[in-house]
């Protein structure tokens, strides 16, 4: 009781040597389908070409090279961490045992400068996880769920300004995806209200 995923993630970020990047846009409504054994989710927004997010610049060409590395990666329940609050991979060890949702990314694609992913989540695995009940109920109800990219980039000093004058201190080069995280209910995505898989509410199609 009293465990805060938000606090643990904030503490862990202070010691990270790579950048965990949080998506900051949602330009079309996500779609979800219950097949009986799986949840199939389409149109999950990942990154935006030539944009600045969390003070990091995302060139279209770097996004194009990095996006395929997301296919086949796990969907996690928050960003995997060990008992000491250190980030770990979602593809092995503690990441799989405690944070795996039963889902993987099945496709990744670009539409009009926005990068999206599709996912397939096995319901029985999701429901068996300690954190799975909330997510299972949210998916069944088609409730909005925060999403964060488990993306690493090398720390760099490729700073500058975009053509519209937005300043950035790093560039998202050599992108490598480890996982995609569905965020727990007490953790607001860094992108605020725009950083969600949206299933309902027509007025939320574009944010």
N, C-alpha and C. Protein backbone atom coordinates (compact mmCIF):
# COMPACT_ATOMS: atom_id res chain seq x y z
N UNK A 1 0.84 -1.19 0.00
CA UNK A 1 0.00 0.00 0.00
C UNK A 1 0.87 1.24 0.00
N UNK A 2 0.40 2.31 -0.64
CA UNK A 2 1.13 3.55 -0.64
C UNK A 2 2.24 3.63 -1.66
N UNK A 3 2.42 2.58 -2.44
CA UNK A 3 3.48 2.58 -3.46
C UNK A 3 3.10 3.50 -4.61
N UNK A 4 4.00 4.39 -4.99
CA UNK A 4 3.71 5.34 -6.06
C UNK A 4 4.63 5.09 -7.23
N UNK A 5 4.04 4.66 -8.35
CA UNK A 5 4.83 4.47 -9.56
C UNK A 5 5.42 5.80 -10.01
N UNK A 6 4.66 6.89 -9.87
CA UNK A 6 5.15 8.20 -10.30
C UNK A 6 6.42 8.58 -9.56
N UNK A 7 6.41 8.34 -8.23
CA UNK A 7 7.58 8.71 -7.43
C UNK A 7 8.79 7.87 -7.81
N UNK A 8 8.57 6.56 -7.97
CA UNK A 8 9.68 5.68 -8.31
C UNK A 8 10.28 6.04 -9.67
N UNK A 9 9.42 6.37 -10.62
CA UNK A 9 9.91 6.73 -11.95
C UNK A 9 10.67 8.05 -11.89
N UNK A 10 10.17 9.02 -11.13
CA UNK A 10 10.85 10.31 -11.02
C UNK A 10 12.23 10.14 -10.38
N UNK A 11 12.31 9.28 -9.35
CA UNK A 11 13.60 9.05 -8.70
C UNK A 11 14.56 8.35 -9.64
N UNK A 12 14.07 7.40 -10.39
CA UNK A 12 14.94 6.65 -11.30
C UNK A 12 15.49 7.54 -12.40
N UNK A 13 14.69 8.48 -12.87
CA UNK A 13 15.13 9.33 -13.97
C UNK A 13 16.37 10.15 -13.62
N UNK A 14 16.55 10.45 -12.34
CA UNK A 14 17.68 11.26 -11.92
C UNK A 14 19.01 10.56 -12.19
N UNK A 15 19.01 9.22 -12.27
CA UNK A 15 20.24 8.46 -12.43
C UNK A 15 20.38 7.81 -13.80
N UNK A 16 19.50 8.13 -14.73
CA UNK A 16 19.54 7.48 -16.03
C UNK A 16 20.67 8.03 -16.90
N UNK A 17 21.29 7.14 -17.68
CA UNK A 17 22.33 7.55 -18.62
C UNK A 17 21.79 7.62 -20.04
N UNK A 18 20.59 7.13 -20.22
CA UNK A 18 19.92 7.26 -21.50
C UNK A 18 18.58 7.95 -21.26
N UNK A 19 17.93 8.38 -22.33
CA UNK A 19 16.70 9.14 -22.21
C UNK A 19 15.49 8.26 -22.48
N UNK A 20 14.57 8.22 -21.53
CA UNK A 20 13.29 7.59 -21.78
C UNK A 20 12.35 8.68 -22.25
N UNK A 21 11.80 8.50 -23.44
CA UNK A 21 11.07 9.57 -24.11
C UNK A 21 9.59 9.32 -24.02
N UNK A 22 8.83 10.33 -23.69
CA UNK A 22 7.39 10.23 -23.57
C UNK A 22 6.73 10.91 -24.76
N UNK A 23 5.79 10.23 -25.41
CA UNK A 23 5.12 10.81 -26.56
C UNK A 23 4.24 11.98 -26.12
N UNK A 24 4.03 12.92 -27.00
CA UNK A 24 3.31 14.13 -26.62
C UNK A 24 2.22 14.51 -27.61
N UNK A 25 1.69 13.56 -28.35
CA UNK A 25 0.64 13.92 -29.29
C UNK A 25 -0.34 12.77 -29.49
N UNK A 26 -1.52 13.12 -29.91
CA UNK A 26 -2.52 12.12 -30.30
C UNK A 26 -3.43 12.78 -31.32
N UNK A 27 -3.23 12.50 -32.60
CA UNK A 27 -3.94 13.22 -33.64
C UNK A 27 -5.09 12.43 -34.24
N UNK A 28 -5.26 11.17 -33.84
CA UNK A 28 -6.40 10.41 -34.31
C UNK A 28 -6.80 9.42 -33.23
N UNK A 29 -8.05 9.03 -33.23
CA UNK A 29 -8.54 8.16 -32.17
C UNK A 29 -8.00 6.75 -32.33
N UNK A 30 -7.55 6.16 -31.22
CA UNK A 30 -7.10 4.77 -31.25
C UNK A 30 -8.31 3.86 -31.40
N UNK A 31 -8.07 2.68 -31.95
CA UNK A 31 -9.14 1.71 -32.16
C UNK A 31 -8.81 0.44 -31.38
N UNK A 32 -9.83 -0.16 -30.78
CA UNK A 32 -9.61 -1.36 -29.98
C UNK A 32 -10.65 -2.41 -30.34
N UNK A 33 -10.21 -3.68 -30.38
CA UNK A 33 -11.11 -4.78 -30.71
C UNK A 33 -10.84 -5.95 -29.76
N UNK A 34 -11.91 -6.52 -29.24
CA UNK A 34 -11.82 -7.68 -28.36
C UNK A 34 -12.07 -8.93 -29.19
N UNK A 35 -11.02 -9.77 -29.34
CA UNK A 35 -11.16 -10.99 -30.14
C UNK A 35 -11.60 -12.18 -29.30
N UNK A 36 -11.73 -11.97 -28.01
CA UNK A 36 -12.03 -13.07 -27.10
C UNK A 36 -10.81 -13.44 -26.28
N UNK A 37 -9.69 -13.69 -26.95
CA UNK A 37 -8.44 -14.01 -26.26
C UNK A 37 -7.49 -12.81 -26.19
N UNK A 38 -7.67 -11.83 -27.07
CA UNK A 38 -6.75 -10.71 -27.15
C UNK A 38 -7.48 -9.38 -27.25
N UNK A 39 -6.75 -8.33 -26.86
CA UNK A 39 -7.12 -6.97 -27.21
C UNK A 39 -6.25 -6.58 -28.40
N UNK A 40 -6.84 -6.10 -29.46
CA UNK A 40 -6.09 -5.60 -30.60
C UNK A 40 -6.29 -4.09 -30.67
N UNK A 41 -5.19 -3.36 -30.58
CA UNK A 41 -5.24 -1.89 -30.52
C UNK A 41 -4.49 -1.31 -31.71
N UNK A 42 -5.11 -0.36 -32.37
CA UNK A 42 -4.50 0.30 -33.52
C UNK A 42 -4.41 1.80 -33.28
N UNK A 43 -3.50 2.43 -34.01
CA UNK A 43 -3.34 3.90 -34.00
C UNK A 43 -2.87 4.44 -32.65
N UNK A 44 -1.85 3.81 -32.07
CA UNK A 44 -1.25 4.35 -30.85
C UNK A 44 -0.17 5.34 -31.26
N UNK A 45 -0.28 6.62 -30.92
CA UNK A 45 0.70 7.61 -31.36
C UNK A 45 2.03 7.44 -30.63
N UNK A 46 3.13 7.52 -31.38
CA UNK A 46 4.47 7.29 -30.80
C UNK A 46 5.31 8.57 -30.81
N UNK A 47 5.62 9.07 -31.99
CA UNK A 47 6.42 10.29 -32.11
C UNK A 47 5.91 11.12 -33.28
N UNK A 48 6.37 12.36 -33.33
CA UNK A 48 5.99 13.29 -34.40
C UNK A 48 7.25 13.72 -35.13
N UNK A 49 7.22 13.66 -36.45
CA UNK A 49 8.39 14.05 -37.23
C UNK A 49 8.72 15.54 -37.07
N UNK A 50 10.01 15.81 -36.97
CA UNK A 50 10.53 17.18 -36.93
C UNK A 50 9.93 18.00 -35.80
N UNK A 51 9.69 17.36 -34.66
CA UNK A 51 9.14 18.06 -33.51
C UNK A 51 10.12 18.03 -32.35
N UNK A 52 9.86 18.86 -31.35
CA UNK A 52 10.66 18.87 -30.13
C UNK A 52 9.77 18.38 -28.99
N UNK A 53 10.21 17.30 -28.33
CA UNK A 53 9.48 16.74 -27.20
C UNK A 53 10.45 16.53 -26.06
N UNK A 54 10.09 17.05 -24.91
CA UNK A 54 10.97 16.95 -23.74
C UNK A 54 12.37 17.47 -24.03
N UNK A 55 12.43 18.56 -24.79
CA UNK A 55 13.69 19.24 -25.12
C UNK A 55 14.57 18.43 -26.07
N UNK A 56 14.00 17.43 -26.73
CA UNK A 56 14.73 16.59 -27.68
C UNK A 56 14.10 16.73 -29.06
N UNK A 57 14.92 16.92 -30.07
CA UNK A 57 14.45 17.09 -31.44
C UNK A 57 14.35 15.75 -32.15
N UNK A 58 13.23 15.52 -32.85
CA UNK A 58 12.98 14.26 -33.54
C UNK A 58 12.93 14.47 -35.05
N UNK A 59 14.07 14.39 -35.72
CA UNK A 59 14.07 14.55 -37.18
C UNK A 59 13.33 13.40 -37.85
N UNK A 60 12.66 13.70 -38.95
CA UNK A 60 11.89 12.68 -39.66
C UNK A 60 12.75 11.51 -40.09
N UNK A 61 13.98 11.80 -40.54
CA UNK A 61 14.82 10.71 -41.03
C UNK A 61 15.27 9.78 -39.90
N UNK A 62 15.53 10.34 -38.70
CA UNK A 62 15.89 9.50 -37.56
C UNK A 62 14.69 8.68 -37.08
N UNK A 63 13.51 9.29 -37.10
CA UNK A 63 12.30 8.56 -36.73
C UNK A 63 12.07 7.39 -37.67
N UNK A 64 12.27 7.62 -38.97
CA UNK A 64 12.05 6.58 -39.96
C UNK A 64 12.99 5.40 -39.74
N UNK A 65 14.24 5.69 -39.40
CA UNK A 65 15.21 4.61 -39.16
C UNK A 65 14.92 3.87 -37.86
N UNK A 66 14.45 4.59 -36.84
CA UNK A 66 14.27 3.97 -35.54
C UNK A 66 12.95 3.24 -35.36
N UNK A 67 11.91 3.68 -36.06
CA UNK A 67 10.57 3.12 -35.85
C UNK A 67 10.48 1.61 -36.02
N UNK A 68 11.11 1.01 -37.03
CA UNK A 68 11.00 -0.45 -37.18
C UNK A 68 11.49 -1.24 -35.97
N UNK A 69 12.37 -0.65 -35.16
CA UNK A 69 12.88 -1.38 -33.99
C UNK A 69 11.81 -1.59 -32.93
N UNK A 70 10.66 -0.92 -33.08
CA UNK A 70 9.56 -1.10 -32.12
C UNK A 70 8.77 -2.38 -32.37
N UNK A 71 8.75 -2.84 -33.62
CA UNK A 71 7.95 -4.01 -33.97
C UNK A 71 8.47 -5.26 -33.24
N UNK A 72 7.55 -5.98 -32.61
CA UNK A 72 7.92 -7.17 -31.87
C UNK A 72 8.30 -6.92 -30.43
N UNK A 73 8.41 -5.67 -30.03
CA UNK A 73 8.78 -5.35 -28.65
C UNK A 73 7.56 -5.46 -27.74
N UNK A 74 7.78 -5.70 -26.44
CA UNK A 74 6.67 -5.90 -25.51
C UNK A 74 5.96 -4.61 -25.13
N UNK A 75 4.70 -4.76 -24.81
CA UNK A 75 3.93 -3.68 -24.19
C UNK A 75 3.99 -3.93 -22.69
N UNK A 76 4.45 -2.94 -21.94
CA UNK A 76 4.66 -3.10 -20.51
C UNK A 76 3.65 -2.31 -19.68
N UNK A 77 3.48 -2.73 -18.43
CA UNK A 77 2.64 -2.03 -17.48
C UNK A 77 3.55 -1.07 -16.72
N UNK A 78 3.63 0.16 -17.20
CA UNK A 78 4.57 1.18 -16.75
C UNK A 78 5.97 0.80 -17.26
N UNK A 79 6.95 1.65 -16.99
CA UNK A 79 8.33 1.35 -17.40
C UNK A 79 8.94 0.39 -16.39
N UNK A 80 9.47 -0.75 -16.83
CA UNK A 80 10.01 -1.75 -15.91
C UNK A 80 11.16 -1.20 -15.06
N UNK A 81 11.10 -1.52 -13.77
CA UNK A 81 12.16 -1.13 -12.84
C UNK A 81 12.44 -2.28 -11.88
N UNK A 82 13.67 -2.33 -11.37
CA UNK A 82 13.99 -3.34 -10.36
C UNK A 82 13.60 -2.82 -8.97
N UNK A 83 13.87 -3.61 -7.95
CA UNK A 83 13.43 -3.25 -6.59
C UNK A 83 14.12 -2.00 -6.05
N UNK A 84 15.25 -1.62 -6.69
CA UNK A 84 15.96 -0.42 -6.26
C UNK A 84 15.56 0.81 -7.05
N UNK A 85 14.59 0.66 -7.94
CA UNK A 85 14.12 1.80 -8.72
C UNK A 85 14.92 2.09 -9.96
N UNK A 86 15.74 1.14 -10.40
CA UNK A 86 16.53 1.32 -11.61
C UNK A 86 15.76 0.80 -12.81
N UNK A 87 15.77 1.55 -13.91
CA UNK A 87 15.11 1.09 -15.12
C UNK A 87 15.79 -0.17 -15.64
N UNK A 88 14.98 -1.12 -16.10
CA UNK A 88 15.49 -2.35 -16.69
C UNK A 88 14.76 -2.60 -18.00
N UNK A 89 15.27 -3.52 -18.78
CA UNK A 89 14.65 -3.85 -20.05
C UNK A 89 13.30 -4.53 -19.83
N UNK A 90 12.36 -4.23 -20.73
CA UNK A 90 11.08 -4.91 -20.68
C UNK A 90 11.11 -6.27 -21.35
N UNK A 91 12.28 -6.66 -21.86
CA UNK A 91 12.38 -7.89 -22.65
C UNK A 91 13.03 -9.05 -21.91
N UNK A 92 13.38 -8.84 -20.65
CA UNK A 92 14.06 -9.92 -19.92
C UNK A 92 13.90 -9.72 -18.42
N UNK A 93 14.15 -10.78 -17.67
CA UNK A 93 14.20 -10.72 -16.22
C UNK A 93 12.98 -10.10 -15.56
N UNK A 94 13.24 -9.16 -14.67
CA UNK A 94 12.19 -8.50 -13.90
C UNK A 94 11.19 -7.82 -14.83
N UNK A 95 11.68 -7.27 -15.93
CA UNK A 95 10.79 -6.60 -16.87
C UNK A 95 9.70 -7.51 -17.38
N UNK A 96 10.07 -8.74 -17.71
CA UNK A 96 9.08 -9.70 -18.19
C UNK A 96 8.23 -10.25 -17.06
N UNK A 97 8.85 -10.55 -15.94
CA UNK A 97 8.14 -11.20 -14.84
C UNK A 97 7.08 -10.30 -14.22
N UNK A 98 7.43 -9.05 -13.99
CA UNK A 98 6.55 -8.16 -13.22
C UNK A 98 5.82 -7.11 -14.05
N UNK A 99 6.28 -6.84 -15.28
CA UNK A 99 5.72 -5.72 -16.02
C UNK A 99 5.14 -6.10 -17.38
N UNK A 100 5.28 -7.33 -17.82
CA UNK A 100 4.79 -7.71 -19.14
C UNK A 100 3.27 -7.74 -19.15
N UNK A 101 2.67 -7.11 -20.13
CA UNK A 101 1.20 -7.03 -20.22
C UNK A 101 0.60 -8.21 -20.96
N UNK A 102 1.44 -9.01 -21.59
CA UNK A 102 0.94 -10.04 -22.48
C UNK A 102 0.82 -9.53 -23.90
N UNK A 103 1.34 -8.33 -24.13
CA UNK A 103 1.20 -7.71 -25.44
C UNK A 103 2.51 -7.43 -26.14
N UNK A 104 2.45 -7.38 -27.46
CA UNK A 104 3.59 -7.00 -28.28
C UNK A 104 3.13 -6.02 -29.36
N UNK A 105 4.07 -5.29 -29.89
CA UNK A 105 3.80 -4.37 -30.98
C UNK A 105 3.81 -5.16 -32.29
N UNK A 106 2.73 -5.07 -33.03
CA UNK A 106 2.59 -5.85 -34.26
C UNK A 106 2.89 -5.05 -35.52
N UNK A 107 2.86 -3.74 -35.43
CA UNK A 107 3.10 -2.91 -36.61
C UNK A 107 3.49 -1.51 -36.16
N UNK A 108 4.24 -0.82 -36.99
CA UNK A 108 4.62 0.56 -36.74
C UNK A 108 4.67 1.28 -38.07
N UNK A 109 4.15 2.49 -38.13
CA UNK A 109 3.99 3.15 -39.42
C UNK A 109 3.85 4.66 -39.24
N UNK A 110 4.04 5.37 -40.35
CA UNK A 110 3.96 6.82 -40.36
C UNK A 110 2.77 7.25 -41.21
N UNK A 111 1.96 8.15 -40.68
CA UNK A 111 0.85 8.72 -41.42
C UNK A 111 0.92 10.23 -41.28
N UNK A 112 1.19 10.90 -42.39
CA UNK A 112 1.23 12.37 -42.41
C UNK A 112 2.15 12.94 -41.34
N UNK A 113 3.32 12.33 -41.17
CA UNK A 113 4.30 12.86 -40.24
C UNK A 113 4.13 12.44 -38.80
N UNK A 114 3.14 11.59 -38.53
CA UNK A 114 2.93 11.06 -37.18
C UNK A 114 3.27 9.57 -37.20
N UNK A 115 4.03 9.11 -36.22
CA UNK A 115 4.41 7.71 -36.14
C UNK A 115 3.50 6.97 -35.17
N UNK A 116 2.92 5.87 -35.64
CA UNK A 116 1.95 5.10 -34.87
C UNK A 116 2.40 3.66 -34.70
N UNK A 117 1.78 2.97 -33.74
CA UNK A 117 2.02 1.54 -33.54
C UNK A 117 0.68 0.84 -33.31
N UNK A 118 0.65 -0.45 -33.64
CA UNK A 118 -0.47 -1.32 -33.31
C UNK A 118 0.02 -2.36 -32.32
N UNK A 119 -0.86 -2.82 -31.45
CA UNK A 119 -0.46 -3.79 -30.43
C UNK A 119 -1.51 -4.89 -30.29
N UNK A 120 -1.05 -6.05 -29.82
CA UNK A 120 -1.93 -7.19 -29.56
C UNK A 120 -1.60 -7.69 -28.15
N UNK A 121 -2.61 -7.69 -27.26
CA UNK A 121 -2.40 -8.02 -25.85
C UNK A 121 -3.22 -9.25 -25.48
N UNK A 122 -2.56 -10.28 -24.96
CA UNK A 122 -3.26 -11.49 -24.54
C UNK A 122 -3.95 -11.24 -23.20
N UNK A 123 -5.26 -11.38 -23.18
CA UNK A 123 -6.06 -11.00 -22.02
C UNK A 123 -5.71 -11.81 -20.77
N UNK A 124 -5.48 -13.10 -20.92
CA UNK A 124 -5.21 -13.95 -19.76
C UNK A 124 -3.91 -13.57 -19.07
N UNK A 125 -2.90 -13.18 -19.84
CA UNK A 125 -1.63 -12.75 -19.26
C UNK A 125 -1.80 -11.42 -18.55
N UNK A 126 -2.47 -10.48 -19.20
CA UNK A 126 -2.70 -9.17 -18.59
C UNK A 126 -3.41 -9.30 -17.26
N UNK A 127 -4.45 -10.09 -17.22
CA UNK A 127 -5.26 -10.22 -16.00
C UNK A 127 -4.53 -10.94 -14.88
N UNK A 128 -3.49 -11.70 -15.21
CA UNK A 128 -2.75 -12.43 -14.17
C UNK A 128 -1.69 -11.58 -13.49
N UNK A 129 -1.35 -10.43 -14.08
CA UNK A 129 -0.33 -9.57 -13.50
C UNK A 129 -0.88 -8.80 -12.31
N UNK A 130 0.00 -8.51 -11.35
CA UNK A 130 -0.40 -7.79 -10.16
C UNK A 130 -1.02 -6.44 -10.51
N UNK A 131 -0.47 -5.78 -11.52
CA UNK A 131 -0.98 -4.48 -11.94
C UNK A 131 -2.01 -4.58 -13.05
N UNK A 132 -2.35 -5.79 -13.46
CA UNK A 132 -3.14 -5.97 -14.66
C UNK A 132 -4.61 -5.64 -14.53
N UNK A 133 -5.17 -5.73 -13.33
CA UNK A 133 -6.61 -5.56 -13.18
C UNK A 133 -7.09 -4.19 -13.66
N UNK A 134 -6.36 -3.13 -13.27
CA UNK A 134 -6.79 -1.79 -13.67
C UNK A 134 -6.77 -1.64 -15.18
N UNK A 135 -5.68 -2.13 -15.80
CA UNK A 135 -5.55 -2.01 -17.26
C UNK A 135 -6.63 -2.82 -17.97
N UNK A 136 -6.91 -4.01 -17.46
CA UNK A 136 -7.93 -4.86 -18.08
C UNK A 136 -9.29 -4.17 -18.04
N UNK A 137 -9.62 -3.58 -16.90
CA UNK A 137 -10.90 -2.88 -16.78
C UNK A 137 -10.94 -1.66 -17.69
N UNK A 138 -9.83 -0.94 -17.79
CA UNK A 138 -9.79 0.25 -18.63
C UNK A 138 -9.95 -0.11 -20.10
N UNK A 139 -9.31 -1.18 -20.54
CA UNK A 139 -9.45 -1.61 -21.92
C UNK A 139 -10.87 -2.07 -22.21
N UNK A 140 -11.45 -2.81 -21.28
CA UNK A 140 -12.82 -3.30 -21.47
C UNK A 140 -13.80 -2.13 -21.58
N UNK A 141 -13.57 -1.09 -20.79
CA UNK A 141 -14.44 0.07 -20.79
C UNK A 141 -14.07 1.08 -21.88
N UNK A 142 -13.01 0.80 -22.61
CA UNK A 142 -12.47 1.73 -23.62
C UNK A 142 -12.16 3.08 -22.99
N UNK A 143 -11.52 3.01 -21.83
CA UNK A 143 -11.09 4.21 -21.15
C UNK A 143 -9.75 4.68 -21.67
N UNK A 144 -9.50 5.97 -21.57
CA UNK A 144 -8.23 6.52 -22.04
C UNK A 144 -7.08 6.02 -21.16
N UNK A 145 -5.97 5.67 -21.79
CA UNK A 145 -4.80 5.15 -21.07
C UNK A 145 -3.56 5.90 -21.52
N UNK A 146 -2.81 6.40 -20.57
CA UNK A 146 -1.56 7.08 -20.90
C UNK A 146 -0.55 6.12 -21.47
N UNK A 147 0.27 6.62 -22.41
CA UNK A 147 1.26 5.79 -23.08
C UNK A 147 2.61 6.49 -23.07
N UNK A 148 3.66 5.73 -22.90
CA UNK A 148 5.01 6.28 -22.90
C UNK A 148 5.95 5.36 -23.66
N UNK A 149 6.83 5.94 -24.44
CA UNK A 149 7.75 5.13 -25.24
C UNK A 149 8.98 4.72 -24.43
N UNK A 150 9.27 3.43 -24.42
CA UNK A 150 10.51 2.93 -23.83
C UNK A 150 11.59 3.00 -24.88
N UNK A 151 12.01 4.21 -25.18
CA UNK A 151 12.95 4.50 -26.27
C UNK A 151 14.25 5.01 -25.69
N UNK A 152 15.36 4.47 -26.13
CA UNK A 152 16.66 4.98 -25.69
C UNK A 152 17.39 5.61 -26.86
N UNK A 153 18.10 6.68 -26.55
CA UNK A 153 18.98 7.34 -27.52
C UNK A 153 20.29 7.64 -26.80
N UNK A 154 21.38 7.71 -27.53
CA UNK A 154 22.64 8.08 -26.87
C UNK A 154 22.60 9.53 -26.42
N UNK A 155 23.07 9.79 -25.23
CA UNK A 155 23.17 11.16 -24.76
C UNK A 155 24.10 11.92 -25.70
N UNK A 156 23.65 13.09 -26.16
CA UNK A 156 24.45 13.84 -27.13
C UNK A 156 24.24 15.34 -26.94
N UNK A 157 25.04 16.11 -27.64
CA UNK A 157 24.97 17.58 -27.53
C UNK A 157 24.58 18.21 -28.86
N UNK A 158 23.83 17.47 -29.66
CA UNK A 158 23.38 18.00 -30.95
C UNK A 158 22.19 18.92 -30.71
N UNK A 159 22.48 20.14 -30.25
CA UNK A 159 21.48 21.12 -29.88
C UNK A 159 21.25 22.12 -31.00
N UNK A 160 20.18 22.89 -30.89
CA UNK A 160 19.91 23.91 -31.89
C UNK A 160 18.51 24.45 -31.80
N UNK A 161 18.03 24.97 -32.92
CA UNK A 161 16.68 25.52 -33.01
C UNK A 161 15.99 24.97 -34.25
N UNK A 162 14.71 24.70 -34.13
CA UNK A 162 13.93 24.28 -35.29
C UNK A 162 13.63 25.52 -36.15
N UNK A 163 13.17 25.33 -37.38
CA UNK A 163 12.83 26.48 -38.23
C UNK A 163 11.82 27.44 -37.60
N UNK A 164 10.95 26.93 -36.71
CA UNK A 164 9.98 27.83 -36.08
C UNK A 164 10.52 28.45 -34.79
N UNK A 165 11.80 28.21 -34.49
CA UNK A 165 12.43 28.86 -33.35
C UNK A 165 12.40 28.09 -32.05
N UNK A 166 11.91 26.85 -32.07
CA UNK A 166 11.88 26.05 -30.85
C UNK A 166 13.27 25.53 -30.52
N UNK A 167 13.71 25.77 -29.31
CA UNK A 167 15.05 25.37 -28.89
C UNK A 167 15.05 23.91 -28.42
N UNK A 168 16.13 23.20 -28.70
CA UNK A 168 16.29 21.84 -28.19
C UNK A 168 17.75 21.62 -27.79
N UNK A 169 17.97 20.71 -26.83
CA UNK A 169 19.31 20.49 -26.30
C UNK A 169 19.93 19.19 -26.77
N UNK A 170 19.11 18.26 -27.32
CA UNK A 170 19.61 17.00 -27.84
C UNK A 170 18.80 16.62 -29.07
N UNK A 171 19.33 15.66 -29.82
CA UNK A 171 18.63 15.15 -31.00
C UNK A 171 18.45 13.64 -30.86
N UNK A 172 17.28 13.17 -31.24
CA UNK A 172 16.96 11.74 -31.11
C UNK A 172 17.61 10.94 -32.23
N UNK A 173 18.93 10.69 -32.07
CA UNK A 173 19.69 9.93 -33.05
C UNK A 173 19.78 8.48 -32.60
N UNK A 174 20.01 7.58 -33.56
CA UNK A 174 20.21 6.16 -33.25
C UNK A 174 19.14 5.62 -32.30
N UNK A 175 17.89 5.87 -32.62
CA UNK A 175 16.78 5.46 -31.77
C UNK A 175 16.69 3.93 -31.70
N UNK A 176 16.45 3.44 -30.49
CA UNK A 176 16.29 2.00 -30.28
C UNK A 176 15.18 1.78 -29.26
N UNK A 177 14.10 1.14 -29.71
CA UNK A 177 12.97 0.88 -28.82
C UNK A 177 13.19 -0.41 -28.03
N UNK A 178 12.88 -0.35 -26.74
CA UNK A 178 12.92 -1.53 -25.88
C UNK A 178 11.50 -2.03 -25.59
N UNK A 179 10.57 -1.11 -25.43
CA UNK A 179 9.19 -1.47 -25.10
C UNK A 179 8.29 -0.26 -25.30
N UNK A 180 7.00 -0.49 -25.18
CA UNK A 180 6.02 0.59 -25.10
C UNK A 180 5.31 0.41 -23.77
N UNK A 181 5.20 1.48 -22.99
CA UNK A 181 4.61 1.39 -21.65
C UNK A 181 3.20 1.98 -21.63
N UNK A 182 2.26 1.21 -21.10
CA UNK A 182 0.96 1.76 -20.73
C UNK A 182 1.11 2.27 -19.30
N UNK A 183 0.75 3.51 -19.06
CA UNK A 183 1.03 4.12 -17.77
C UNK A 183 -0.05 3.81 -16.74
N UNK A 184 0.35 3.66 -15.48
CA UNK A 184 -0.61 3.42 -14.40
C UNK A 184 -1.45 4.66 -14.16
N UNK A 185 -2.59 4.53 -13.48
CA UNK A 185 -3.50 5.66 -13.35
C UNK A 185 -2.97 6.83 -12.54
N UNK A 186 -1.96 6.61 -11.68
CA UNK A 186 -1.46 7.73 -10.89
C UNK A 186 -0.28 8.44 -11.56
N UNK A 187 0.02 8.08 -12.79
CA UNK A 187 1.14 8.72 -13.49
C UNK A 187 0.64 9.46 -14.73
N UNK A 188 0.64 10.78 -14.65
CA UNK A 188 0.23 11.59 -15.79
C UNK A 188 1.36 11.64 -16.80
N UNK A 189 1.08 11.34 -18.06
CA UNK A 189 2.13 11.42 -19.08
C UNK A 189 2.70 12.84 -19.17
N UNK A 190 3.95 12.93 -19.56
CA UNK A 190 4.60 14.24 -19.67
C UNK A 190 3.90 15.13 -20.67
N UNK A 191 3.25 14.52 -21.65
CA UNK A 191 2.52 15.31 -22.64
C UNK A 191 1.16 15.75 -22.18
N UNK A 192 0.80 15.46 -20.92
CA UNK A 192 -0.48 15.90 -20.38
C UNK A 192 -1.65 15.20 -21.04
N UNK A 193 -2.74 15.91 -21.21
CA UNK A 193 -3.97 15.32 -21.72
C UNK A 193 -3.83 14.78 -23.14
N UNK A 194 -2.82 15.21 -23.88
CA UNK A 194 -2.65 14.76 -25.26
C UNK A 194 -1.95 13.41 -25.36
N UNK A 195 -1.38 12.94 -24.25
CA UNK A 195 -0.55 11.74 -24.30
C UNK A 195 -1.32 10.50 -23.88
N UNK A 196 -2.37 10.19 -24.62
CA UNK A 196 -3.22 9.06 -24.28
C UNK A 196 -3.67 8.31 -25.53
N UNK A 197 -3.91 7.00 -25.33
CA UNK A 197 -4.69 6.26 -26.31
C UNK A 197 -6.14 6.66 -26.07
N UNK A 198 -6.78 7.21 -27.07
CA UNK A 198 -8.17 7.65 -26.94
C UNK A 198 -9.07 6.67 -27.69
N UNK A 199 -10.09 6.18 -27.03
CA UNK A 199 -11.03 5.27 -27.67
C UNK A 199 -12.42 5.86 -27.81
N UNK A 200 -12.78 6.77 -26.90
CA UNK A 200 -14.11 7.34 -26.88
C UNK A 200 -14.06 8.82 -27.22
N UNK A 201 -15.15 9.52 -26.98
CA UNK A 201 -15.23 10.98 -27.07
C UNK A 201 -14.73 11.54 -28.38
N UNK A 202 -15.66 11.77 -29.29
CA UNK A 202 -15.32 12.26 -30.63
C UNK A 202 -14.56 13.58 -30.59
N UNK A 203 -14.81 14.39 -29.56
CA UNK A 203 -14.14 15.69 -29.49
C UNK A 203 -12.68 15.55 -29.10
N UNK A 204 -12.22 14.33 -28.82
CA UNK A 204 -10.82 14.10 -28.49
C UNK A 204 -10.05 13.51 -29.66
N UNK A 205 -10.68 13.46 -30.84
CA UNK A 205 -9.98 12.90 -32.00
C UNK A 205 -8.71 13.67 -32.30
N UNK A 206 -8.77 14.98 -32.15
CA UNK A 206 -7.61 15.80 -32.46
C UNK A 206 -7.30 16.67 -31.27
N UNK A 207 -6.03 16.66 -30.83
CA UNK A 207 -5.62 17.41 -29.66
C UNK A 207 -4.41 18.27 -29.99
